[in-house]
Amino acid sequence: MIKKIIYIWVFMCLAISLKAQDTYYSQFFANKLDLNPAFAGSQYYHRVIINYRNQWANLGNPYVTYSLSYDRYLNGFGGVGIQLMQDRQADGAQVTTAIKAIYSYMLKVNQNSAIRFALAGSFMKNQLDISRLTFPDMIDPDSGVSGTHNNTYDPTVTTMDDVDVSIGLLAHTGNYTFGFSAQHLAKPSISFTKYSEIPYKFVAHFGAEFPITTNGLHPVHLNVSPLFMFQKQGDNMQMNYGLYSTRNNLVAGCWFRQNFNLHYDSMIFMFGFDNKLFRLAYSYDHAFNYLSSVGSSVHEVSLIFLLGERQKRKRYNQIPCPRFFRKMNIMEL
């Protein structure tokens, strides 16, 4: 019963106000085009990325997000990408679907440094199925959900469309990578009850890769990759930081997600496998906030395919991002 009350409370806060919220990913570095559009075309390989996220699954799958992206490098140091995303809230009561198209351009500074700029345009559709929602007047305190709902104040418009614009910048030098993106520059509105803009979203991220070799009779070769991401949207701020390491085809890591209003939000654990054909990773969020008392959980899976190779001419130095998301002899920026 407690889980049901929390489940209903979450969606009454979100669905009755019917204000859009952004999706976010625990494996933010695996959903590159969502993190920063400047990643589009950052490899010579055709890249396909599939992401699946199930948030708070113990409460009845209230948030499930799917995304599919494709990007490729173009002659002239440019790149293009496209991303499809669908976010399903309250088991499909509210569904947001978006398609994003991206173009990026690379400016080479020297043999070890480069900067990439990007522009992205999106079309968004938000749909509401009121019949799937549970309202306070339907709740009996003894028996649970029962009765009928008074729909006098329900919204009459259940489909909203809008467009959006984002920009991105990505730079690397040596073993370090820096990026910044500004999203929702068009301030779209997909609210059903009144005009309510999605606030600007600003993202800064950092990554690096450091090879480590231990001495001894059986030396061990590892690649350690620290990562950091900070994002701000409206009055809300969030920071992810941690690291993961790779050895042969295996990768494992952990990092914190800190909500500045709720302090430490969760700790994320990730395990993955990487070979020449695909990269697969699974992550689990362990919550530190009040939802941990009801067994809340977040599961996320990412699958990355690198298909073929467009160029065999001399390449510029690749961006030193973690090996789990690159291959030898590719240009990452």
C-alpha atoms as a PDB file:
ATOM      1  CA  MET A   1       0.000   0.000   0.000  1.00  0.00           C
ATOM      2  CA  ILE A   2       2.852   2.397   0.803  1.00  0.00           C
ATOM      3  CA  LYS A   3       4.356   1.778  -2.625  1.00  0.00           C
ATOM      4  CA  LYS A   4       1.018   2.473  -4.268  1.00  0.00           C
ATOM      5  CA  ILE A   5       0.619   5.745  -2.364  1.00  0.00           C
ATOM      6  CA  ILE A   6       4.101   6.890  -3.377  1.00  0.00           C
ATOM      7  CA  TYR A   7       3.444   5.797  -6.962  1.00  0.00           C
ATOM      8  CA  ILE A   8       0.223   7.838  -7.062  1.00  0.00           C
ATOM      9  CA  TRP A   9       1.843  10.813  -5.340  1.00  0.00           C
ATOM     10  CA  VAL A  10       4.681  10.946  -7.863  1.00  0.00           C
ATOM     11  CA  PHE A  11       2.313  11.039 -10.773  1.00  0.00           C
ATOM     12  CA  MET A  12      -0.155  13.414  -9.233  1.00  0.00           C
ATOM     13  CA  CYS A  13       2.716  15.855  -8.800  1.00  0.00           C
ATOM     14  CA  LEU A  14       3.843  15.385 -12.387  1.00  0.00           C
ATOM     15  CA  ALA A  15       0.748  14.443 -14.323  1.00  0.00           C
ATOM     16  CA  ILE A  16      -1.829  16.818 -12.813  1.00  0.00           C
ATOM     17  CA  SER A  17       0.478  19.798 -13.225  1.00  0.00           C
ATOM     18  CA  LEU A  18       1.359  18.220 -16.581  1.00  0.00           C
ATOM     19  CA  LYS A  19       4.646  20.008 -16.916  1.00  0.00           C
ATOM     20  CA  ALA A  20       7.320  18.460 -19.066  1.00  0.00           C
ATOM     21  CA  GLN A  21      10.521  17.226 -17.522  1.00  0.00           C
ATOM     22  CA  ASP A  22      13.756  16.190 -19.174  1.00  0.00           C
ATOM     23  CA  THR A  23      14.913  12.630 -19.323  1.00  0.00           C
ATOM     24  CA  TYR A  24      18.381  11.870 -18.034  1.00  0.00           C
ATOM     25  CA  TYR A  25      20.644   8.842 -18.185  1.00  0.00           C
ATOM     26  CA  SER A  26      22.880   7.245 -15.593  1.00  0.00           C
ATOM     27  CA  GLN A  27      25.247   6.196 -18.408  1.00  0.00           C
ATOM     28  CA  PHE A  28      25.333   9.736 -19.754  1.00  0.00           C
ATOM     29  CA  PHE A  29      28.623   9.066 -21.578  1.00  0.00           C
ATOM     30  CA  ALA A  30      26.982   6.190 -23.508  1.00  0.00           C
ATOM     31  CA  ASN A  31      24.212   8.418 -24.885  1.00  0.00           C
ATOM     32  CA  LYS A  32      26.556  10.813 -26.619  1.00  0.00           C
ATOM     33  CA  LEU A  33      24.120  12.724 -28.835  1.00  0.00           C
ATOM     34  CA  ASP A  34      21.889  13.424 -25.846  1.00  0.00           C
ATOM     35  CA  LEU A  35      24.818  14.569 -23.725  1.00  0.00           C
ATOM     36  CA  ASN A  36      26.304  16.850 -26.377  1.00  0.00           C
ATOM     37  CA  PRO A  37      25.348  17.172 -30.074  1.00  0.00           C
ATOM     38  CA  ALA A  38      28.999  17.909 -30.884  1.00  0.00           C
ATOM     39  CA  PHE A  39      29.690  14.160 -30.604  1.00  0.00           C
ATOM     40  CA  ALA A  40      27.866  13.641 -33.934  1.00  0.00           C
ATOM     41  CA  GLY A  41      30.294  12.278 -36.518  1.00  0.00           C
ATOM     42  CA  SER A  42      33.145  12.077 -34.032  1.00  0.00           C
ATOM     43  CA  GLN A  43      34.211   8.663 -35.357  1.00  0.00           C
ATOM     44  CA  TYR A  44      35.073   7.418 -38.829  1.00  0.00           C
ATOM     45  CA  TYR A  45      32.818   4.459 -38.125  1.00  0.00           C
ATOM     46  CA  HIS A  46      29.057   4.545 -38.530  1.00  0.00           C
ATOM     47  CA  ARG A  47      27.835   4.462 -34.947  1.00  0.00           C
ATOM     48  CA  VAL A  48      24.481   3.139 -33.708  1.00  0.00           C
ATOM     49  CA  ILE A  49      23.594   3.525 -30.024  1.00  0.00           C
ATOM     50  CA  ILE A  50      20.574   1.975 -28.302  1.00  0.00           C
ATOM     51  CA  ASN A  51      19.629   2.987 -24.765  1.00  0.00           C
ATOM     52  CA  TYR A  52      16.985   1.649 -22.399  1.00  0.00           C
ATOM     53  CA  ARG A  53      16.226   3.059 -18.954  1.00  0.00           C
ATOM     54  CA  ASN A  54      13.686   1.809 -16.410  1.00  0.00           C
ATOM     55  CA  GLN A  55      13.454   4.163 -13.454  1.00  0.00           C
ATOM     56  CA  TRP A  56      11.856   3.151 -10.142  1.00  0.00           C
ATOM     57  CA  ALA A  57      10.822  -0.215 -11.543  1.00  0.00           C
ATOM     58  CA  ASN A  58       9.697  -1.398  -8.089  1.00  0.00           C
ATOM     59  CA  LEU A  59       6.958   1.234  -8.114  1.00  0.00           C
ATOM     60  CA  GLY A  60       5.311  -0.136 -11.253  1.00  0.00           C
ATOM     61  CA  ASN A  61       7.581   1.090 -14.077  1.00  0.00           C
ATOM     62  CA  PRO A  62       6.618   4.779 -13.759  1.00  0.00           C
ATOM     63  CA  TYR A  63       9.389   5.998 -16.087  1.00  0.00           C
ATOM     64  CA  VAL A  64      10.653   3.985 -19.051  1.00  0.00           C
ATOM     65  CA  THR A  65      12.830   5.650 -21.693  1.00  0.00           C
ATOM     66  CA  TYR A  66      14.053   4.353 -25.048  1.00  0.00           C
ATOM     67  CA  SER A  67      16.446   6.030 -27.428  1.00  0.00           C
ATOM     68  CA  LEU A  68      18.079   5.136 -30.734  1.00  0.00           C
ATOM     69  CA  SER A  69      20.776   7.256 -32.362  1.00  0.00           C
ATOM     70  CA  TYR A  70      22.937   7.087 -35.469  1.00  0.00           C
ATOM     71  CA  ASP A  71      25.851   9.312 -36.458  1.00  0.00           C
ATOM     72  CA  ARG A  72      28.624   9.307 -39.045  1.00  0.00           C
ATOM     73  CA  TYR A  73      31.618  11.345 -40.126  1.00  0.00           C
ATOM     74  CA  LEU A  74      31.463  13.384 -43.331  1.00  0.00           C
ATOM     75  CA  ASN A  75      34.275  14.594 -45.581  1.00  0.00           C
ATOM     76  CA  GLY A  76      35.357  18.104 -44.731  1.00  0.00           C
ATOM     77  CA  PHE A  77      35.668  17.397 -41.011  1.00  0.00           C
ATOM     78  CA  GLY A  78      31.932  17.492 -40.429  1.00  0.00           C
ATOM     79  CA  GLY A  79      29.471  15.008 -39.032  1.00  0.00           C
ATOM     80  CA  VAL A  80      25.745  14.333 -38.939  1.00  0.00           C
ATOM     81  CA  GLY A  81      23.546  12.491 -36.495  1.00  0.00           C
ATOM     82  CA  ILE A  82      19.942  11.654 -35.777  1.00  0.00           C
ATOM     83  CA  GLN A  83      18.318  10.531 -32.543  1.00  0.00           C
ATOM     84  CA  LEU A  84      14.886   9.104 -31.743  1.00  0.00           C
ATOM     85  CA  MET A  85      13.679   9.158 -28.143  1.00  0.00           C
ATOM     86  CA  GLN A  86      10.505   8.091 -26.367  1.00  0.00           C
ATOM     87  CA  ASP A  87       9.826   8.628 -22.671  1.00  0.00           C
ATOM     88  CA  ARG A  88       6.823   6.809 -21.167  1.00  0.00           C
ATOM     89  CA  GLN A  89       5.523   8.025 -17.806  1.00  0.00           C
ATOM     90  CA  ALA A  90       2.945   6.335 -15.566  1.00  0.00           C
ATOM     91  CA  ASP A  91       2.964   3.145 -17.643  1.00  0.00           C
ATOM     92  CA  GLY A  92       2.176   5.071 -20.817  1.00  0.00           C
ATOM     93  CA  ALA A  93      -0.227   7.675 -19.431  1.00  0.00           C
ATOM     94  CA  GLN A  94       2.069  10.428 -20.674  1.00  0.00           C
ATOM     95  CA  VAL A  95       4.324   9.742 -23.664  1.00  0.00           C
ATOM     96  CA  THR A  96       6.912  12.151 -25.043  1.00  0.00           C
ATOM     97  CA  THR A  97       8.445  11.374 -28.432  1.00  0.00           C
ATOM     98  CA  ALA A  98      11.240  13.415 -30.008  1.00  0.00           C
ATOM     99  CA  ILE A  99      13.402  13.293 -33.115  1.00  0.00           C
ATOM    100  CA  LYS A 100      16.645  15.264 -33.263  1.00  0.00           C
ATOM    101  CA  ALA A 101      18.824  16.078 -36.305  1.00  0.00           C
ATOM    102  CA  ILE A 102      22.429  17.255 -35.784  1.00  0.00           C
ATOM    103  CA  TYR A 103      25.268  18.746 -37.816  1.00  0.00           C
ATOM    104  CA  SER A 104      28.764  19.215 -36.370  1.00  0.00           C
ATOM    105  CA  TYR A 105      31.937  20.827 -37.681  1.00  0.00           C
ATOM    106  CA  MET A 106      35.513  20.193 -36.539  1.00  0.00           C
ATOM    107  CA  LEU A 107      38.266  22.791 -36.330  1.00  0.00           C
ATOM    108  CA  LYS A 108      41.733  21.262 -35.950  1.00  0.00           C
ATOM    109  CA  VAL A 109      43.985  23.323 -33.666  1.00  0.00           C
ATOM    110  CA  ASN A 110      47.119  21.159 -33.946  1.00  0.00           C
ATOM    111  CA  GLN A 111      48.055  17.500 -34.174  1.00  0.00           C
ATOM    112  CA  ASN A 112      46.965  16.854 -30.594  1.00  0.00           C
ATOM    113  CA  SER A 113      44.060  19.258 -30.170  1.00  0.00           C
ATOM    114  CA  ALA A 114      40.776  20.009 -31.912  1.00  0.00           C
ATOM    115  CA  ILE A 115      37.434  21.700 -31.317  1.00  0.00           C
ATOM    116  CA  ARG A 116      34.062  20.576 -32.620  1.00  0.00           C
ATOM    117  CA  PHE A 117      30.930  22.755 -32.882  1.00  0.00           C
ATOM    118  CA  ALA A 118      27.384  21.473 -33.389  1.00  0.00           C
ATOM    119  CA  LEU A 119      23.820  22.623 -34.008  1.00  0.00           C
ATOM    120  CA  ALA A 120      20.765  20.419 -33.388  1.00  0.00           C
ATOM    121  CA  GLY A 121      17.089  20.835 -34.178  1.00  0.00           C
ATOM    122  CA  SER A 122      14.315  18.731 -32.616  1.00  0.00           C
ATOM    123  CA  PHE A 123      10.631  18.039 -33.085  1.00  0.00           C
ATOM    124  CA  MET A 124       8.747  16.967 -29.945  1.00  0.00           C
ATOM    125  CA  LYS A 125       5.311  15.422 -29.431  1.00  0.00           C
ATOM    126  CA  ASN A 126       3.693  14.986 -26.025  1.00  0.00           C
ATOM    127  CA  GLN A 127       0.596  12.784 -25.648  1.00  0.00           C
ATOM    128  CA  LEU A 128      -1.649  12.183 -22.637  1.00  0.00           C
ATOM    129  CA  ASP A 129      -3.984   9.259 -21.959  1.00  0.00           C
ATOM    130  CA  ILE A 130      -6.054  10.382 -18.970  1.00  0.00           C
ATOM    131  CA  SER A 131      -7.714   6.980 -18.650  1.00  0.00           C
ATOM    132  CA  ARG A 132      -4.390   5.562 -17.411  1.00  0.00           C
ATOM    133  CA  LEU A 133      -4.053   8.043 -14.532  1.00  0.00           C
ATOM    134  CA  THR A 134      -5.167   7.618 -10.925  1.00  0.00           C
ATOM    135  CA  PHE A 135      -6.658  10.739  -9.305  1.00  0.00           C
ATOM    136  CA  PRO A 136      -7.219  11.527  -5.592  1.00  0.00           C
ATOM    137  CA  ASP A 137     -11.010  11.318  -5.876  1.00  0.00           C
ATOM    138  CA  MET A 138     -10.658   7.692  -7.023  1.00  0.00           C
ATOM    139  CA  ILE A 139      -8.752   6.559  -3.934  1.00  0.00           C
ATOM    140  CA  ASP A 140     -10.534   4.869  -1.071  1.00  0.00           C
ATOM    141  CA  PRO A 141      -8.338   4.961   2.067  1.00  0.00           C
ATOM    142  CA  ASP A 142      -9.392   1.439   3.060  1.00  0.00           C
ATOM    143  CA  SER A 143      -9.705  -0.520  -0.171  1.00  0.00           C
ATOM    144  CA  GLY A 144      -7.298   1.395  -2.418  1.00  0.00           C
ATOM    145  CA  VAL A 145      -8.255   2.576  -5.888  1.00  0.00           C
ATOM    146  CA  SER A 146     -11.983   2.506  -6.575  1.00  0.00           C
ATOM    147  CA  GLY A 147     -14.836   4.658  -7.840  1.00  0.00           C
ATOM    148  CA  THR A 148     -14.987   7.106 -10.708  1.00  0.00           C
ATOM    149  CA  HIS A 149     -13.158  10.332 -11.478  1.00  0.00           C
ATOM    150  CA  ASN A 150     -14.707  13.783 -11.824  1.00  0.00           C
ATOM    151  CA  ASN A 151     -13.233  14.985 -15.127  1.00  0.00           C
ATOM    152  CA  THR A 152     -14.544  18.565 -14.927  1.00  0.00           C
ATOM    153  CA  TYR A 153     -11.083  20.067 -14.638  1.00  0.00           C
ATOM    154  CA  ASP A 154      -9.221  17.632 -16.889  1.00  0.00           C
ATOM    155  CA  PRO A 155      -7.407  19.149 -19.867  1.00  0.00           C
ATOM    156  CA  THR A 156      -9.281  19.018 -23.150  1.00  0.00           C
ATOM    157  CA  VAL A 157      -6.100  19.047 -25.261  1.00  0.00           C
ATOM    158  CA  THR A 158      -4.183  15.777 -24.979  1.00  0.00           C
ATOM    159  CA  THR A 159      -1.575  16.195 -27.739  1.00  0.00           C
ATOM    160  CA  MET A 160       1.030  18.974 -27.923  1.00  0.00           C
ATOM    161  CA  ASP A 161       3.764  19.520 -30.538  1.00  0.00           C
ATOM    162  CA  ASP A 162       6.737  21.872 -30.471  1.00  0.00           C
ATOM    163  CA  VAL A 163      10.275  22.347 -31.811  1.00  0.00           C
ATOM    164  CA  ASP A 164      13.589  22.864 -30.044  1.00  0.00           C
ATOM    165  CA  VAL A 165      17.191  23.943 -30.716  1.00  0.00           C
ATOM    166  CA  SER A 166      20.461  22.915 -29.030  1.00  0.00           C
ATOM    167  CA  ILE A 167      24.131  23.753 -29.529  1.00  0.00           C
ATOM    168  CA  GLY A 168      27.282  21.967 -28.436  1.00  0.00           C
ATOM    169  CA  LEU A 169      31.036  22.373 -28.174  1.00  0.00           C
ATOM    170  CA  LEU A 170      33.600  19.597 -27.731  1.00  0.00           C
ATOM    171  CA  ALA A 171      37.362  19.990 -27.319  1.00  0.00           C
ATOM    172  CA  HIS A 172      40.280  17.714 -26.619  1.00  0.00           C
ATOM    173  CA  THR A 173      43.943  18.098 -25.905  1.00  0.00           C
ATOM    174  CA  GLY A 174      46.301  15.317 -24.905  1.00  0.00           C
ATOM    175  CA  ASN A 175      44.471  12.768 -22.749  1.00  0.00           C
ATOM    176  CA  TYR A 176      41.682  15.160 -21.780  1.00  0.00           C
ATOM    177  CA  THR A 177      38.273  15.887 -23.234  1.00  0.00           C
ATOM    178  CA  PHE A 178      35.987  18.806 -22.388  1.00  0.00           C
ATOM    179  CA  GLY A 179      32.493  19.572 -23.580  1.00  0.00           C
ATOM    180  CA  PHE A 180      29.611  21.980 -23.142  1.00  0.00           C
ATOM    181  CA  SER A 181      26.071  22.018 -24.489  1.00  0.00           C
ATOM    182  CA  ALA A 182      23.134  24.416 -24.202  1.00  0.00           C
ATOM    183  CA  GLN A 183      19.752  22.788 -24.756  1.00  0.00           C
ATOM    184  CA  HIS A 184      16.123  23.943 -25.099  1.00  0.00           C
ATOM    185  CA  LEU A 185      17.188  27.268 -26.573  1.00  0.00           C
ATOM    186  CA  ALA A 186      13.781  27.543 -28.247  1.00  0.00           C
ATOM    187  CA  LYS A 187      12.131  27.043 -24.810  1.00  0.00           C
ATOM    188  CA  PRO A 188       9.465  24.647 -26.122  1.00  0.00           C
ATOM    189  CA  SER A 189       6.202  24.019 -24.303  1.00  0.00           C
ATOM    190  CA  ILE A 190       4.497  20.638 -24.207  1.00  0.00           C
ATOM    191  CA  SER A 191       2.225  21.291 -21.233  1.00  0.00           C
ATOM    192  CA  PHE A 192      -1.464  20.406 -21.589  1.00  0.00           C
ATOM    193  CA  THR A 193      -3.079  22.824 -19.119  1.00  0.00           C
ATOM    194  CA  LYS A 194      -1.275  26.110 -19.721  1.00  0.00           C
ATOM    195  CA  TYR A 195       1.738  27.502 -21.523  1.00  0.00           C
ATOM    196  CA  SER A 196       4.766  26.345 -19.592  1.00  0.00           C
ATOM    197  CA  GLU A 197       8.215  26.558 -21.173  1.00  0.00           C
ATOM    198  CA  ILE A 198      10.932  23.979 -20.664  1.00  0.00           C
ATOM    199  CA  PRO A 199      13.768  26.008 -19.092  1.00  0.00           C
ATOM    200  CA  TYR A 200      17.221  26.211 -20.607  1.00  0.00           C
ATOM    201  CA  LYS A 201      19.486  23.296 -19.804  1.00  0.00           C
ATOM    202  CA  PHE A 202      23.272  23.712 -19.577  1.00  0.00           C
ATOM    203  CA  VAL A 203      25.623  20.722 -19.456  1.00  0.00           C
ATOM    204  CA  ALA A 204      29.383  20.623 -18.878  1.00  0.00           C
ATOM    205  CA  HIS A 205      31.330  17.363 -18.999  1.00  0.00           C
ATOM    206  CA  PHE A 206      34.878  16.110 -18.724  1.00  0.00           C
ATOM    207  CA  GLY A 207      36.579  12.792 -19.416  1.00  0.00           C
ATOM    208  CA  ALA A 208      40.056  11.343 -19.702  1.00  0.00           C
ATOM    209  CA  GLU A 209      41.880   8.043 -20.059  1.00  0.00           C
ATOM    210  CA  PHE A 210      45.057   6.959 -18.304  1.00  0.00           C
ATOM    211  CA  PRO A 211      46.779   3.624 -18.998  1.00  0.00           C
ATOM    212  CA  ILE A 212      48.188   1.900 -15.894  1.00  0.00           C
ATOM    213  CA  THR A 213      50.580  -1.046 -15.899  1.00  0.00           C
ATOM    214  CA  THR A 214      51.602  -2.916 -12.765  1.00  0.00           C
ATOM    215  CA  ASN A 215      55.040  -4.494 -12.468  1.00  0.00           C
ATOM    216  CA  GLY A 216      55.636  -8.045 -11.392  1.00  0.00           C
ATOM    217  CA  LEU A 217      55.661 -11.591 -12.637  1.00  0.00           C
ATOM    218  CA  HIS A 218      52.198 -11.135 -14.167  1.00  0.00           C
ATOM    219  CA  PRO A 219      51.850  -7.456 -15.129  1.00  0.00           C
ATOM    220  CA  VAL A 220      48.344  -6.043 -15.375  1.00  0.00           C
ATOM    221  CA  HIS A 221      47.334  -3.484 -17.979  1.00  0.00           C
ATOM    222  CA  LEU A 222      44.370  -1.249 -17.158  1.00  0.00           C
ATOM    223  CA  ASN A 223      42.808   1.882 -18.572  1.00  0.00           C
ATOM    224  CA  VAL A 224      41.353   4.136 -15.866  1.00  0.00           C
ATOM    225  CA  SER A 225      38.842   6.744 -16.970  1.00  0.00           C
ATOM    226  CA  PRO A 226      37.625   9.487 -14.606  1.00  0.00           C
ATOM    227  CA  LEU A 227      34.407  11.199 -15.658  1.00  0.00           C
ATOM    228  CA  PHE A 228      32.455  14.255 -14.607  1.00  0.00           C
ATOM    229  CA  MET A 229      29.190  15.853 -15.682  1.00  0.00           C
ATOM    230  CA  PHE A 230      27.403  18.913 -14.342  1.00  0.00           C
ATOM    231  CA  GLN A 231      23.997  20.087 -15.529  1.00  0.00           C
ATOM    232  CA  LYS A 232      21.744  22.968 -14.578  1.00  0.00           C
ATOM    233  CA  GLN A 233      18.124  23.437 -15.610  1.00  0.00           C
ATOM    234  CA  GLY A 234      16.098  26.200 -14.054  1.00  0.00           C
ATOM    235  CA  ASP A 235      16.735  26.106 -10.309  1.00  0.00           C
ATOM    236  CA  ASN A 236      17.846  22.465 -10.373  1.00  0.00           C
ATOM    237  CA  MET A 237      21.475  21.393 -10.471  1.00  0.00           C
ATOM    238  CA  GLN A 238      22.994  17.932 -10.660  1.00  0.00           C
ATOM    239  CA  MET A 239      26.529  16.568 -10.747  1.00  0.00           C
ATOM    240  CA  ASN A 240      27.837  13.089 -11.646  1.00  0.00           C
ATOM    241  CA  TYR A 241      31.410  12.109 -10.884  1.00  0.00           C
ATOM    242  CA  GLY A 242      33.400   8.903 -10.600  1.00  0.00           C
ATOM    243  CA  LEU A 243      35.480   6.580 -12.732  1.00  0.00           C
ATOM    244  CA  TYR A 244      35.576   3.220 -14.405  1.00  0.00           C
ATOM    245  CA  SER A 245      38.336   0.996 -15.736  1.00  0.00           C
ATOM    246  CA  THR A 246      38.779  -1.454 -18.593  1.00  0.00           C
ATOM    247  CA  ARG A 247      40.851  -4.596 -18.827  1.00  0.00           C
ATOM    248  CA  ASN A 248      40.817  -6.691 -21.995  1.00  0.00           C
ATOM    249  CA  ASN A 249      37.134  -6.813 -23.014  1.00  0.00           C
ATOM    250  CA  LEU A 250      35.679  -6.094 -19.577  1.00  0.00           C
ATOM    251  CA  VAL A 251      34.737  -2.764 -18.045  1.00  0.00           C
ATOM    252  CA  ALA A 252      33.461  -1.848 -14.582  1.00  0.00           C
ATOM    253  CA  GLY A 253      32.999   1.361 -12.654  1.00  0.00           C
ATOM    254  CA  CYS A 254      30.961   3.412 -10.225  1.00  0.00           C
ATOM    255  CA  TRP A 255      30.099   7.060  -9.741  1.00  0.00           C
ATOM    256  CA  PHE A 256      27.899   9.331  -7.642  1.00  0.00           C
ATOM    257  CA  ARG A 257      24.941  11.390  -8.777  1.00  0.00           C
ATOM    258  CA  GLN A 258      24.487  14.390  -6.529  1.00  0.00           C
ATOM    259  CA  ASN A 259      21.350  16.508  -6.561  1.00  0.00           C
ATOM    260  CA  PHE A 260      22.228  19.829  -4.968  1.00  0.00           C
ATOM    261  CA  ASN A 261      18.775  20.045  -3.376  1.00  0.00           C
ATOM    262  CA  LEU A 262      18.815  16.476  -2.021  1.00  0.00           C
ATOM    263  CA  HIS A 263      22.562  16.112  -1.494  1.00  0.00           C
ATOM    264  CA  TYR A 264      23.679  12.620  -2.559  1.00  0.00           C
ATOM    265  CA  ASP A 265      20.951  11.183  -4.761  1.00  0.00           C
ATOM    266  CA  SER A 266      22.414   7.791  -5.695  1.00  0.00           C
ATOM    267  CA  MET A 267      25.492   5.713  -6.433  1.00  0.00           C
ATOM    268  CA  ILE A 268      25.681   4.045  -9.833  1.00  0.00           C
ATOM    269  CA  PHE A 269      27.386   0.738 -10.574  1.00  0.00           C
ATOM    270  CA  MET A 270      28.191  -0.302 -14.133  1.00  0.00           C
ATOM    271  CA  PHE A 271      29.485  -3.501 -15.771  1.00  0.00           C
ATOM    272  CA  GLY A 272      30.118  -3.997 -19.461  1.00  0.00           C
ATOM    273  CA  PHE A 273      31.650  -5.971 -22.273  1.00  0.00           C
ATOM    274  CA  ASP A 274      33.471  -4.618 -25.317  1.00  0.00           C
ATOM    275  CA  ASN A 275      34.624  -6.450 -28.435  1.00  0.00           C
ATOM    276  CA  LYS A 276      35.183  -5.515 -32.074  1.00  0.00           C
ATOM    277  CA  LEU A 277      31.510  -5.786 -32.993  1.00  0.00           C
ATOM    278  CA  PHE A 278      29.602  -4.152 -30.140  1.00  0.00           C
ATOM    279  CA  ARG A 279      29.794  -2.671 -26.667  1.00  0.00           C
ATOM    280  CA  LEU A 280      27.206  -3.659 -24.038  1.00  0.00           C
ATOM    281  CA  ALA A 281      26.818  -2.094 -20.583  1.00  0.00           C
ATOM    282  CA  TYR A 282      24.395  -2.462 -17.689  1.00  0.00           C
ATOM    283  CA  SER A 283      24.102  -0.049 -14.780  1.00  0.00           C
ATOM    284  CA  TYR A 284      22.146  -0.042 -11.522  1.00  0.00           C
ATOM    285  CA  ASP A 285      21.393   3.004  -9.363  1.00  0.00           C
ATOM    286  CA  HIS A 286      21.396   2.569  -5.597  1.00  0.00           C
ATOM    287  CA  ALA A 287      19.311   5.427  -4.164  1.00  0.00           C
ATOM    288  CA  PHE A 288      20.253   7.325  -1.020  1.00  0.00           C
ATOM    289  CA  ASN A 289      17.109   9.469  -0.893  1.00  0.00           C
ATOM    290  CA  TYR A 290      13.688   8.671   0.599  1.00  0.00           C
ATOM    291  CA  LEU A 291      12.773   6.349  -2.292  1.00  0.00           C
ATOM    292  CA  SER A 292      15.359   3.833  -1.084  1.00  0.00           C
ATOM    293  CA  SER A 293      12.985   2.925   1.775  1.00  0.00           C
ATOM    294  CA  VAL A 294      10.469   1.443  -0.688  1.00  0.00           C
ATOM    295  CA  GLY A 295      13.032  -0.513  -2.685  1.00  0.00           C
ATOM    296  CA  SER A 296      13.276   1.881  -5.608  1.00  0.00           C
ATOM    297  CA  SER A 297      15.634   0.819  -8.375  1.00  0.00           C
ATOM    298  CA  VAL A 298      16.919   2.132 -11.689  1.00  0.00           C
ATOM    299  CA  HIS A 299      18.111  -0.186 -14.441  1.00  0.00           C
ATOM    300  CA  GLU A 300      19.811   1.038 -17.595  1.00  0.00           C
ATOM    301  CA  VAL A 301      21.255  -0.785 -20.608  1.00  0.00           C
ATOM    302  CA  SER A 302      23.289   0.659 -23.469  1.00  0.00           C
ATOM    303  CA  LEU A 303      24.319  -1.110 -26.658  1.00  0.00           C
ATOM    304  CA  ILE A 304      26.748   0.462 -29.145  1.00  0.00           C
ATOM    305  CA  PHE A 305      27.514  -0.820 -32.634  1.00  0.00           C
ATOM    306  CA  LEU A 306      30.364   0.446 -34.823  1.00  0.00           C
ATOM    307  CA  LEU A 307      29.628  -0.384 -38.457  1.00  0.00           C
ATOM    308  CA  GLY A 308      32.220  -0.304 -41.232  1.00  0.00           C
ATOM    309  CA  GLU A 309      34.726   2.443 -41.914  1.00  0.00           C
ATOM    310  CA  ARG A 310      34.317   5.406 -44.245  1.00  0.00           C
ATOM    311  CA  GLN A 311      37.925   6.539 -44.666  1.00  0.00           C
ATOM    312  CA  LYS A 312      41.331   4.891 -44.894  1.00  0.00           C
ATOM    313  CA  ARG A 313      43.401   8.028 -45.397  1.00  0.00           C
ATOM    314  CA  LYS A 314      45.647   9.494 -42.710  1.00  0.00           C
ATOM    315  CA  ARG A 315      43.700  10.434 -39.604  1.00  0.00           C
ATOM    316  CA  TYR A 316      44.117  13.100 -37.014  1.00  0.00           C
ATOM    317  CA  ASN A 317      44.764  12.096 -33.445  1.00  0.00           C
ATOM    318  CA  GLN A 318      41.729  10.629 -31.745  1.00  0.00           C
ATOM    319  CA  ILE A 319      40.099  12.088 -28.707  1.00  0.00           C
ATOM    320  CA  PRO A 320      41.358  10.247 -25.582  1.00  0.00           C
ATOM    321  CA  CYS A 321      37.960   9.089 -24.369  1.00  0.00           C
ATOM    322  CA  PRO A 322      37.534   5.778 -22.513  1.00  0.00           C
ATOM    323  CA  ARG A 323      38.319   2.709 -24.613  1.00  0.00           C
ATOM    324  CA  PHE A 324      34.885   1.314 -23.874  1.00  0.00           C
ATOM    325  CA  PHE A 325      33.498   3.928 -26.266  1.00  0.00           C
ATOM    326  CA  ARG A 326      36.149   3.944 -28.962  1.00  0.00           C
ATOM    327  CA  LYS A 327      38.189   1.580 -31.124  1.00  0.00           C
ATOM    328  CA  MET A 328      41.737   1.701 -32.367  1.00  0.00           C
ATOM    329  CA  ASN A 329      42.364   3.720 -35.513  1.00  0.00           C
ATOM    330  CA  ILE A 330      39.333   5.961 -35.267  1.00  0.00           C
ATOM    331  CA  MET A 331      39.033   9.712 -35.042  1.00  0.00           C
ATOM    332  CA  GLU A 332      36.966  10.699 -32.016  1.00  0.00           C
ATOM    333  CA  LEU A 333      36.955  14.404 -32.726  1.00  0.00           C
END
